[in-house]
Amino acid sequence: ETENISSISIYPNPNDGNFNLSFNAIEKSNYKIEIYNTIGQRVYSEDLNSFQGLYNSKISVTDYGRGVYTISFINSDSHITVKKMIVY
């Protein structure tokens, strides 16, 4: 797990493809958020350069259908935290 990220929240979970994503980046670093669908296709990617503090965003994956999605948080040291989300 990425030690630099705390308080990861994905809500609501499960959801209809629209959800809120928030976390707290404790140390200033480059972060990448990636979301993959069930068959491994990347459906969302966001780079946060020199970021520190509270991240809060509304994200939609409604174009990609139902299923289990994997959300990866990667920092510049290649530490990864992975969470799951269900779209019904």
PDB file of N, CA and C in Angstrom:
ATOM      1  N   GLU A   1       0.817  -1.197   0.000  1.00  0.00           N
ATOM      2  CA  GLU A   1       0.000   0.000   0.000  1.00  0.00           C
ATOM      3  C   GLU A   1       0.856   1.254   0.000  1.00  0.00           C
ATOM      4  N   THR A   2       0.321   2.300  -0.567  1.00  0.00           N
ATOM      5  CA  THR A   2       1.002   3.575  -0.590  1.00  0.00           C
ATOM      6  C   THR A   2       0.903   4.214   0.784  1.00  0.00           C
ATOM      7  N   GLU A   3       2.047   4.433   1.401  1.00  0.00           N
ATOM      8  CA  GLU A   3       2.069   5.009   2.744  1.00  0.00           C
ATOM      9  C   GLU A   3       1.705   6.487   2.728  1.00  0.00           C
ATOM     10  N   ASN A   4       1.837   7.142   1.578  1.00  0.00           N
ATOM     11  CA  ASN A   4       1.593   8.574   1.484  1.00  0.00           C
ATOM     12  C   ASN A   4       0.116   8.936   1.323  1.00  0.00           C
ATOM     13  N   ILE A   5      -0.743   7.928   1.152  1.00  0.00           N
ATOM     14  CA  ILE A   5      -2.169   8.183   0.951  1.00  0.00           C
ATOM     15  C   ILE A   5      -2.952   7.582   2.109  1.00  0.00           C
ATOM     16  N   SER A   6      -3.864   8.377   2.669  1.00  0.00           N
ATOM     17  CA  SER A   6      -4.713   7.868   3.742  1.00  0.00           C
ATOM     18  C   SER A   6      -6.156   8.280   3.485  1.00  0.00           C
ATOM     19  N   SER A   7      -7.032   7.669   4.225  1.00  0.00           N
ATOM     20  CA  SER A   7      -8.457   8.010   4.194  1.00  0.00           C
ATOM     21  C   SER A   7      -9.064   7.916   2.795  1.00  0.00           C
ATOM     22  N   ILE A   8      -8.774   6.833   2.080  1.00  0.00           N
ATOM     23  CA  ILE A   8      -9.361   6.654   0.753  1.00  0.00           C
ATOM     24  C   ILE A   8     -10.842   6.332   0.910  1.00  0.00           C
ATOM     25  N   SER A   9     -11.666   7.056   0.178  1.00  0.00           N
ATOM     26  CA  SER A   9     -13.106   6.859   0.248  1.00  0.00           C
ATOM     27  C   SER A   9     -13.684   6.833  -1.163  1.00  0.00           C
ATOM     28  N   ILE A  10     -14.448   5.780  -1.451  1.00  0.00           N
ATOM     29  CA  ILE A  10     -15.159   5.634  -2.716  1.00  0.00           C
ATOM     30  C   ILE A  10     -16.627   5.481  -2.345  1.00  0.00           C
ATOM     31  N   TYR A  11     -17.449   6.451  -2.709  1.00  0.00           N
ATOM     32  CA  TYR A  11     -18.844   6.389  -2.296  1.00  0.00           C
ATOM     33  C   TYR A  11     -19.757   7.013  -3.341  1.00  0.00           C
ATOM     34  N   PRO A  12     -20.969   6.507  -3.512  1.00  0.00           N
ATOM     35  CA  PRO A  12     -21.411   5.253  -2.901  1.00  0.00           C
ATOM     36  C   PRO A  12     -20.726   4.066  -3.577  1.00  0.00           C
ATOM     37  N   ASN A  13     -20.658   2.979  -2.879  1.00  0.00           N
ATOM     38  CA  ASN A  13     -20.098   1.742  -3.419  1.00  0.00           C
ATOM     39  C   ASN A  13     -20.883   0.589  -2.837  1.00  0.00           C
ATOM     40  N   PRO A  14     -21.711  -0.105  -3.629  1.00  0.00           N
ATOM     41  CA  PRO A  14     -21.844  -0.047  -5.087  1.00  0.00           C
ATOM     42  C   PRO A  14     -22.553   1.222  -5.554  1.00  0.00           C
ATOM     43  N   ASN A  15     -22.442   1.487  -6.893  1.00  0.00           N
ATOM     44  CA  ASN A  15     -23.046   2.681  -7.473  1.00  0.00           C
ATOM     45  C   ASN A  15     -23.510   2.402  -8.900  1.00  0.00           C
ATOM     46  N   ASP A  16     -24.081   3.430  -9.522  1.00  0.00           N
ATOM     47  CA  ASP A  16     -24.601   3.295 -10.889  1.00  0.00           C
ATOM     48  C   ASP A  16     -23.592   3.733 -11.945  1.00  0.00           C
ATOM     49  N   GLY A  17     -22.343   3.929 -11.550  1.00  0.00           N
ATOM     50  CA  GLY A  17     -21.301   4.398 -12.452  1.00  0.00           C
ATOM     51  C   GLY A  17     -20.863   5.812 -12.157  1.00  0.00           C
ATOM     52  N   ASN A  18     -21.620   6.510 -11.324  1.00  0.00           N
ATOM     53  CA  ASN A  18     -21.265   7.848 -10.851  1.00  0.00           C
ATOM     54  C   ASN A  18     -20.896   7.738  -9.381  1.00  0.00           C
ATOM     55  N   PHE A  19     -19.719   8.228  -9.023  1.00  0.00           N
ATOM     56  CA  PHE A  19     -19.270   8.088  -7.648  1.00  0.00           C
ATOM     57  C   PHE A  19     -18.308   9.215  -7.275  1.00  0.00           C
ATOM     58  N   ASN A  20     -18.089   9.344  -5.999  1.00  0.00           N
ATOM     59  CA  ASN A  20     -17.135  10.308  -5.462  1.00  0.00           C
ATOM     60  C   ASN A  20     -15.888   9.562  -5.016  1.00  0.00           C
ATOM     61  N   LEU A  21     -14.747  10.146  -5.276  1.00  0.00           N
ATOM     62  CA  LEU A  21     -13.475   9.574  -4.872  1.00  0.00           C
ATOM     63  C   LEU A  21     -12.723  10.628  -4.077  1.00  0.00           C
ATOM     64  N   SER A  22     -12.284  10.255  -2.881  1.00  0.00           N
ATOM     65  CA  SER A  22     -11.510  11.198  -2.083  1.00  0.00           C
ATOM     66  C   SER A  22     -10.404  10.469  -1.339  1.00  0.00           C
ATOM     67  N   PHE A  23      -9.334  11.193  -1.087  1.00  0.00           N
ATOM     68  CA  PHE A  23      -8.227  10.679  -0.284  1.00  0.00           C
ATOM     69  C   PHE A  23      -7.388  11.853   0.200  1.00  0.00           C
ATOM     70  N   ASN A  24      -6.522  11.576   1.140  1.00  0.00           N
ATOM     71  CA  ASN A  24      -5.625  12.580   1.664  1.00  0.00           C
ATOM     72  C   ASN A  24      -4.199  12.186   1.320  1.00  0.00           C
ATOM     73  N   ALA A  25      -3.511  13.024   0.561  1.00  0.00           N
ATOM     74  CA  ALA A  25      -2.107  12.799   0.221  1.00  0.00           C
ATOM     75  C   ALA A  25      -1.260  13.477   1.291  1.00  0.00           C
ATOM     76  N   ILE A  26      -0.611  12.676   2.112  1.00  0.00           N
ATOM     77  CA  ILE A  26       0.136  13.188   3.253  1.00  0.00           C
ATOM     78  C   ILE A  26       1.407  13.913   2.827  1.00  0.00           C
ATOM     79  N   GLU A  27       2.120  13.354   1.856  1.00  0.00           N
ATOM     80  CA  GLU A  27       3.361  13.957   1.390  1.00  0.00           C
ATOM     81  C   GLU A  27       3.202  14.469  -0.029  1.00  0.00           C
ATOM     82  N   LYS A  28       3.889  15.567  -0.322  1.00  0.00           N
ATOM     83  CA  LYS A  28       3.874  16.110  -1.679  1.00  0.00           C
ATOM     84  C   LYS A  28       4.611  15.150  -2.605  1.00  0.00           C
ATOM     85  N   SER A  29       3.911  14.722  -3.647  1.00  0.00           N
ATOM     86  CA  SER A  29       4.473  13.749  -4.579  1.00  0.00           C
ATOM     87  C   SER A  29       3.663  13.793  -5.868  1.00  0.00           C
ATOM     88  N   ASN A  30       4.117  13.051  -6.871  1.00  0.00           N
ATOM     89  CA  ASN A  30       3.336  12.859  -8.088  1.00  0.00           C
ATOM     90  C   ASN A  30       2.496  11.605  -7.894  1.00  0.00           C
ATOM     91  N   TYR A  31       1.210  11.728  -8.128  1.00  0.00           N
ATOM     92  CA  TYR A  31       0.289  10.612  -7.971  1.00  0.00           C
ATOM     93  C   TYR A  31      -0.424  10.356  -9.284  1.00  0.00           C
ATOM     94  N   LYS A  32      -0.825   9.107  -9.467  1.00  0.00           N
ATOM     95  CA  LYS A  32      -1.621   8.738 -10.638  1.00  0.00           C
ATOM     96  C   LYS A  32      -2.796   7.911 -10.139  1.00  0.00           C
ATOM     97  N   ILE A  33      -3.984   8.238 -10.652  1.00  0.00           N
ATOM     98  CA  ILE A  33      -5.187   7.469 -10.363  1.00  0.00           C
ATOM     99  C   ILE A  33      -5.584   6.773 -11.657  1.00  0.00           C
ATOM    100  N   GLU A  34      -5.762   5.458 -11.589  1.00  0.00           N
ATOM    101  CA  GLU A  34      -6.171   4.698 -12.762  1.00  0.00           C
ATOM    102  C   GLU A  34      -7.335   3.794 -12.386  1.00  0.00           C
ATOM    103  N   ILE A  35      -8.319   3.704 -13.279  1.00  0.00           N
ATOM    104  CA  ILE A  35      -9.473   2.833 -13.068  1.00  0.00           C
ATOM    105  C   ILE A  35      -9.533   1.850 -14.229  1.00  0.00           C
ATOM    106  N   TYR A  36      -9.653   0.557 -13.869  1.00  0.00           N
ATOM    107  CA  TYR A  36      -9.712  -0.518 -14.857  1.00  0.00           C
ATOM    108  C   TYR A  36     -11.030  -1.272 -14.720  1.00  0.00           C
ATOM    109  N   ASN A  37     -11.580  -1.701 -15.867  1.00  0.00           N
ATOM    110  CA  ASN A  37     -12.802  -2.506 -15.829  1.00  0.00           C
ATOM    111  C   ASN A  37     -12.453  -3.982 -15.618  1.00  0.00           C
ATOM    112  N   THR A  38     -13.457  -4.825 -15.658  1.00  0.00           N
ATOM    113  CA  THR A  38     -13.296  -6.251 -15.373  1.00  0.00           C
ATOM    114  C   THR A  38     -12.332  -6.952 -16.323  1.00  0.00           C
ATOM    115  N   ILE A  39     -12.257  -6.512 -17.568  1.00  0.00           N
ATOM    116  CA  ILE A  39     -11.382  -7.182 -18.530  1.00  0.00           C
ATOM    117  C   ILE A  39     -10.020  -6.491 -18.671  1.00  0.00           C
ATOM    118  N   GLY A  40      -9.733  -5.576 -17.761  1.00  0.00           N
ATOM    119  CA  GLY A  40      -8.406  -4.971 -17.713  1.00  0.00           C
ATOM    120  C   GLY A  40      -8.198  -3.741 -18.567  1.00  0.00           C
ATOM    121  N   GLN A  41      -9.256  -3.202 -19.139  1.00  0.00           N
ATOM    122  CA  GLN A  41      -9.136  -1.977 -19.924  1.00  0.00           C
ATOM    123  C   GLN A  41      -9.085  -0.773 -18.992  1.00  0.00           C
ATOM    124  N   ARG A  42      -8.145   0.125 -19.236  1.00  0.00           N
ATOM    125  CA  ARG A  42      -8.100   1.361 -18.446  1.00  0.00           C
ATOM    126  C   ARG A  42      -9.192   2.286 -18.962  1.00  0.00           C
ATOM    127  N   VAL A  43     -10.101   2.672 -18.069  1.00  0.00           N
ATOM    128  CA  VAL A  43     -11.230   3.509 -18.459  1.00  0.00           C
ATOM    129  C   VAL A  43     -11.111   4.927 -17.917  1.00  0.00           C
ATOM    130  N   TYR A  44     -10.131   5.145 -17.033  1.00  0.00           N
ATOM    131  CA  TYR A  44      -9.933   6.479 -16.452  1.00  0.00           C
ATOM    132  C   TYR A  44      -8.500   6.595 -15.976  1.00  0.00           C
ATOM    133  N   SER A  45      -7.905   7.751 -16.192  1.00  0.00           N
ATOM    134  CA  SER A  45      -6.559   8.010 -15.701  1.00  0.00           C
ATOM    135  C   SER A  45      -6.422   9.499 -15.395  1.00  0.00           C
ATOM    136  N   GLU A  46      -5.791   9.805 -14.289  1.00  0.00           N
ATOM    137  CA  GLU A  46      -5.564  11.201 -13.912  1.00  0.00           C
ATOM    138  C   GLU A  46      -4.208  11.302 -13.234  1.00  0.00           C
ATOM    139  N   ASP A  47      -3.411  12.279 -13.658  1.00  0.00           N
ATOM    140  CA  ASP A  47      -2.113  12.555 -13.047  1.00  0.00           C
ATOM    141  C   ASP A  47      -2.239  13.761 -12.132  1.00  0.00           C
ATOM    142  N   LEU A  48      -1.710  13.624 -10.934  1.00  0.00           N
ATOM    143  CA  LEU A  48      -1.680  14.723  -9.977  1.00  0.00           C
ATOM    144  C   LEU A  48      -0.203  15.020  -9.698  1.00  0.00           C
ATOM    145  N   ASN A  49       0.307  16.081 -10.285  1.00  0.00           N
ATOM    146  CA  ASN A  49       1.723  16.405 -10.156  1.00  0.00           C
ATOM    147  C   ASN A  49       1.974  17.318  -8.968  1.00  0.00           C
ATOM    148  N   SER A  50       2.987  16.985  -8.174  1.00  0.00           N
ATOM    149  CA  SER A  50       3.363  17.749  -6.976  1.00  0.00           C
ATOM    150  C   SER A  50       2.141  18.024  -6.110  1.00  0.00           C
ATOM    151  N   PHE A  51       1.374  16.987  -5.855  1.00  0.00           N
ATOM    152  CA  PHE A  51       0.112  17.131  -5.120  1.00  0.00           C
ATOM    153  C   PHE A  51       0.287  16.757  -3.658  1.00  0.00           C
ATOM    154  N   GLN A  52      -0.362  17.526  -2.803  1.00  0.00           N
ATOM    155  CA  GLN A  52      -0.440  17.230  -1.376  1.00  0.00           C
ATOM    156  C   GLN A  52      -1.754  17.786  -0.868  1.00  0.00           C
ATOM    157  N   GLY A  53      -2.397  17.044   0.032  1.00  0.00           N
ATOM    158  CA  GLY A  53      -3.636  17.529   0.609  1.00  0.00           C
ATOM    159  C   GLY A  53      -4.819  16.651   0.270  1.00  0.00           C
ATOM    160  N   LEU A  54      -5.999  17.239   0.383  1.00  0.00           N
ATOM    161  CA  LEU A  54      -7.238  16.496   0.189  1.00  0.00           C
ATOM    162  C   LEU A  54      -7.653  16.526  -1.277  1.00  0.00           C
ATOM    163  N   TYR A  55      -7.873  15.347  -1.832  1.00  0.00           N
ATOM    164  CA  TYR A  55      -8.379  15.196  -3.196  1.00  0.00           C
ATOM    165  C   TYR A  55      -9.826  14.766  -3.083  1.00  0.00           C
ATOM    166  N   ASN A  56     -10.706  15.401  -3.852  1.00  0.00           N
ATOM    167  CA  ASN A  56     -12.115  15.037  -3.858  1.00  0.00           C
ATOM    168  C   ASN A  56     -12.652  15.297  -5.262  1.00  0.00           C
ATOM    169  N   SER A  57     -13.179  14.267  -5.912  1.00  0.00           N
ATOM    170  CA  SER A  57     -13.648  14.426  -7.278  1.00  0.00           C
ATOM    171  C   SER A  57     -14.843  13.525  -7.549  1.00  0.00           C
ATOM    172  N   LYS A  58     -15.735  13.996  -8.425  1.00  0.00           N
ATOM    173  CA  LYS A  58     -16.841  13.174  -8.909  1.00  0.00           C
ATOM    174  C   LYS A  58     -16.385  12.560 -10.226  1.00  0.00           C
ATOM    175  N   ILE A  59     -16.533  11.248 -10.327  1.00  0.00           N
ATOM    176  CA  ILE A  59     -16.073  10.516 -11.506  1.00  0.00           C
ATOM    177  C   ILE A  59     -17.230   9.685 -12.049  1.00  0.00           C
ATOM    178  N   SER A  60     -17.251   9.531 -13.373  1.00  0.00           N
ATOM    179  CA  SER A  60     -18.284   8.722 -14.016  1.00  0.00           C
ATOM    180  C   SER A  60     -17.627   7.675 -14.912  1.00  0.00           C
ATOM    181  N   VAL A  61     -18.070   6.435 -14.757  1.00  0.00           N
ATOM    182  CA  VAL A  61     -17.661   5.352 -15.664  1.00  0.00           C
ATOM    183  C   VAL A  61     -18.909   4.723 -16.293  1.00  0.00           C
ATOM    184  N   THR A  62     -19.986   5.498 -16.401  1.00  0.00           N
ATOM    185  CA  THR A  62     -21.255   4.982 -16.914  1.00  0.00           C
ATOM    186  C   THR A  62     -21.150   4.468 -18.347  1.00  0.00           C
ATOM    187  N   ASP A  63     -20.214   4.979 -19.131  1.00  0.00           N
ATOM    188  CA  ASP A  63     -20.058   4.544 -20.522  1.00  0.00           C
ATOM    189  C   ASP A  63     -19.483   3.134 -20.633  1.00  0.00           C
ATOM    190  N   TYR A  64     -18.975   2.577 -19.535  1.00  0.00           N
ATOM    191  CA  TYR A  64     -18.269   1.302 -19.590  1.00  0.00           C
ATOM    192  C   TYR A  64     -19.052   0.125 -19.007  1.00  0.00           C
ATOM    193  N   GLY A  65     -20.271   0.364 -18.553  1.00  0.00           N
ATOM    194  CA  GLY A  65     -21.140  -0.725 -18.134  1.00  0.00           C
ATOM    195  C   GLY A  65     -20.945  -1.200 -16.707  1.00  0.00           C
ATOM    196  N   ARG A  66     -21.697  -2.231 -16.382  1.00  0.00           N
ATOM    197  CA  ARG A  66     -21.708  -2.806 -15.044  1.00  0.00           C
ATOM    198  C   ARG A  66     -20.484  -3.676 -14.825  1.00  0.00           C
ATOM    199  N   GLY A  67     -20.176  -3.908 -13.537  1.00  0.00           N
ATOM    200  CA  GLY A  67     -19.078  -4.814 -13.212  1.00  0.00           C
ATOM    201  C   GLY A  67     -18.266  -4.335 -12.031  1.00  0.00           C
ATOM    202  N   VAL A  68     -17.183  -5.031 -11.816  1.00  0.00           N
ATOM    203  CA  VAL A  68     -16.263  -4.688 -10.736  1.00  0.00           C
ATOM    204  C   VAL A  68     -15.104  -3.894 -11.340  1.00  0.00           C
ATOM    205  N   TYR A  69     -14.832  -2.747 -10.798  1.00  0.00           N
ATOM    206  CA  TYR A  69     -13.757  -1.881 -11.270  1.00  0.00           C
ATOM    207  C   TYR A  69     -12.644  -1.845 -10.227  1.00  0.00           C
ATOM    208  N   THR A  70     -11.424  -1.744 -10.707  1.00  0.00           N
ATOM    209  CA  THR A  70     -10.253  -1.656  -9.844  1.00  0.00           C
ATOM    210  C   THR A  70      -9.707  -0.239  -9.938  1.00  0.00           C
ATOM    211  N   ILE A  71      -9.533   0.394  -8.786  1.00  0.00           N
ATOM    212  CA  ILE A  71      -8.987   1.747  -8.739  1.00  0.00           C
ATOM    213  C   ILE A  71      -7.595   1.657  -8.126  1.00  0.00           C
ATOM    214  N   SER A  72      -6.588   2.110  -8.889  1.00  0.00           N
ATOM    215  CA  SER A  72      -5.202   2.075  -8.429  1.00  0.00           C
ATOM    216  C   SER A  72      -4.716   3.486  -8.138  1.00  0.00           C
ATOM    217  N   PHE A  73      -4.039   3.633  -7.017  1.00  0.00           N
ATOM    218  CA  PHE A  73      -3.400   4.880  -6.623  1.00  0.00           C
ATOM    219  C   PHE A  73      -1.900   4.619  -6.629  1.00  0.00           C
ATOM    220  N   ILE A  74      -1.167   5.337  -7.461  1.00  0.00           N
ATOM    221  CA  ILE A  74       0.264   5.093  -7.625  1.00  0.00           C
ATOM    222  C   ILE A  74       0.999   6.397  -7.318  1.00  0.00           C
ATOM    223  N   ASN A  75       2.046   6.315  -6.472  1.00  0.00           N
ATOM    224  CA  ASN A  75       2.828   7.520  -6.240  1.00  0.00           C
ATOM    225  C   ASN A  75       4.130   7.451  -7.018  1.00  0.00           C
ATOM    226  N   SER A  76       4.943   8.509  -6.945  1.00  0.00           N
ATOM    227  CA  SER A  76       6.154   8.591  -7.751  1.00  0.00           C
ATOM    228  C   SER A  76       7.207   7.554  -7.364  1.00  0.00           C
ATOM    229  N   ASP A  77       7.075   6.929  -6.192  1.00  0.00           N
ATOM    230  CA  ASP A  77       7.980   5.854  -5.788  1.00  0.00           C
ATOM    231  C   ASP A  77       7.466   4.492  -6.228  1.00  0.00           C
ATOM    232  N   SER A  78       6.433   4.463  -7.060  1.00  0.00           N
ATOM    233  CA  SER A  78       5.794   3.250  -7.579  1.00  0.00           C
ATOM    234  C   SER A  78       5.123   2.408  -6.501  1.00  0.00           C
ATOM    235  N   HIS A  79       4.751   3.027  -5.383  1.00  0.00           N
ATOM    236  CA  HIS A  79       3.935   2.342  -4.387  1.00  0.00           C
ATOM    237  C   HIS A  79       2.490   2.398  -4.864  1.00  0.00           C
ATOM    238  N   ILE A  80       1.800   1.290  -4.726  1.00  0.00           N
ATOM    239  CA  ILE A  80       0.438   1.190  -5.262  1.00  0.00           C
ATOM    240  C   ILE A  80      -0.546   0.782  -4.166  1.00  0.00           C
ATOM    241  N   THR A  81      -1.686   1.452  -4.150  1.00  0.00           N
ATOM    242  CA  THR A  81      -2.824   1.044  -3.324  1.00  0.00           C
ATOM    243  C   THR A  81      -3.963   0.735  -4.294  1.00  0.00           C
ATOM    244  N   VAL A  82      -4.645  -0.396  -4.088  1.00  0.00           N
ATOM    245  CA  VAL A  82      -5.719  -0.821  -4.986  1.00  0.00           C
ATOM    246  C   VAL A  82      -7.005  -0.983  -4.193  1.00  0.00           C
ATOM    247  N   LYS A  83      -8.085  -0.454  -4.745  1.00  0.00           N
ATOM    248  CA  LYS A  83      -9.422  -0.591  -4.164  1.00  0.00           C
ATOM    249  C   LYS A  83     -10.372  -1.110  -5.230  1.00  0.00           C
ATOM    250  N   LYS A  84     -11.441  -1.738  -4.807  1.00  0.00           N
ATOM    251  CA  LYS A  84     -12.461  -2.267  -5.720  1.00  0.00           C
ATOM    252  C   LYS A  84     -13.738  -1.447  -5.602  1.00  0.00           C
ATOM    253  N   MET A  85     -14.464  -1.375  -6.712  1.00  0.00           N
ATOM    254  CA  MET A  85     -15.738  -0.673  -6.740  1.00  0.00           C
ATOM    255  C   MET A  85     -16.696  -1.460  -7.626  1.00  0.00           C
ATOM    256  N   ILE A  86     -17.949  -1.512  -7.242  1.00  0.00           N
ATOM    257  CA  ILE A  86     -18.962  -2.252  -8.001  1.00  0.00           C
ATOM    258  C   ILE A  86     -19.944  -1.268  -8.652  1.00  0.00           C
ATOM    259  N   VAL A  87     -20.157  -1.459  -9.946  1.00  0.00           N
ATOM    260  CA  VAL A  87     -21.157  -0.684 -10.683  1.00  0.00           C
ATOM    261  C   VAL A  87     -22.289  -1.643 -11.050  1.00  0.00           C
ATOM    262  N   TYR A  88     -23.517  -1.284 -10.629  1.00  0.00           N
ATOM    263  CA  TYR A  88     -24.674  -2.165 -10.873  1.00  0.00           C
ATOM    264  C   TYR A  88     -25.545  -1.663 -11.993  1.00  0.00           C
TER     265      TYR A  88
END
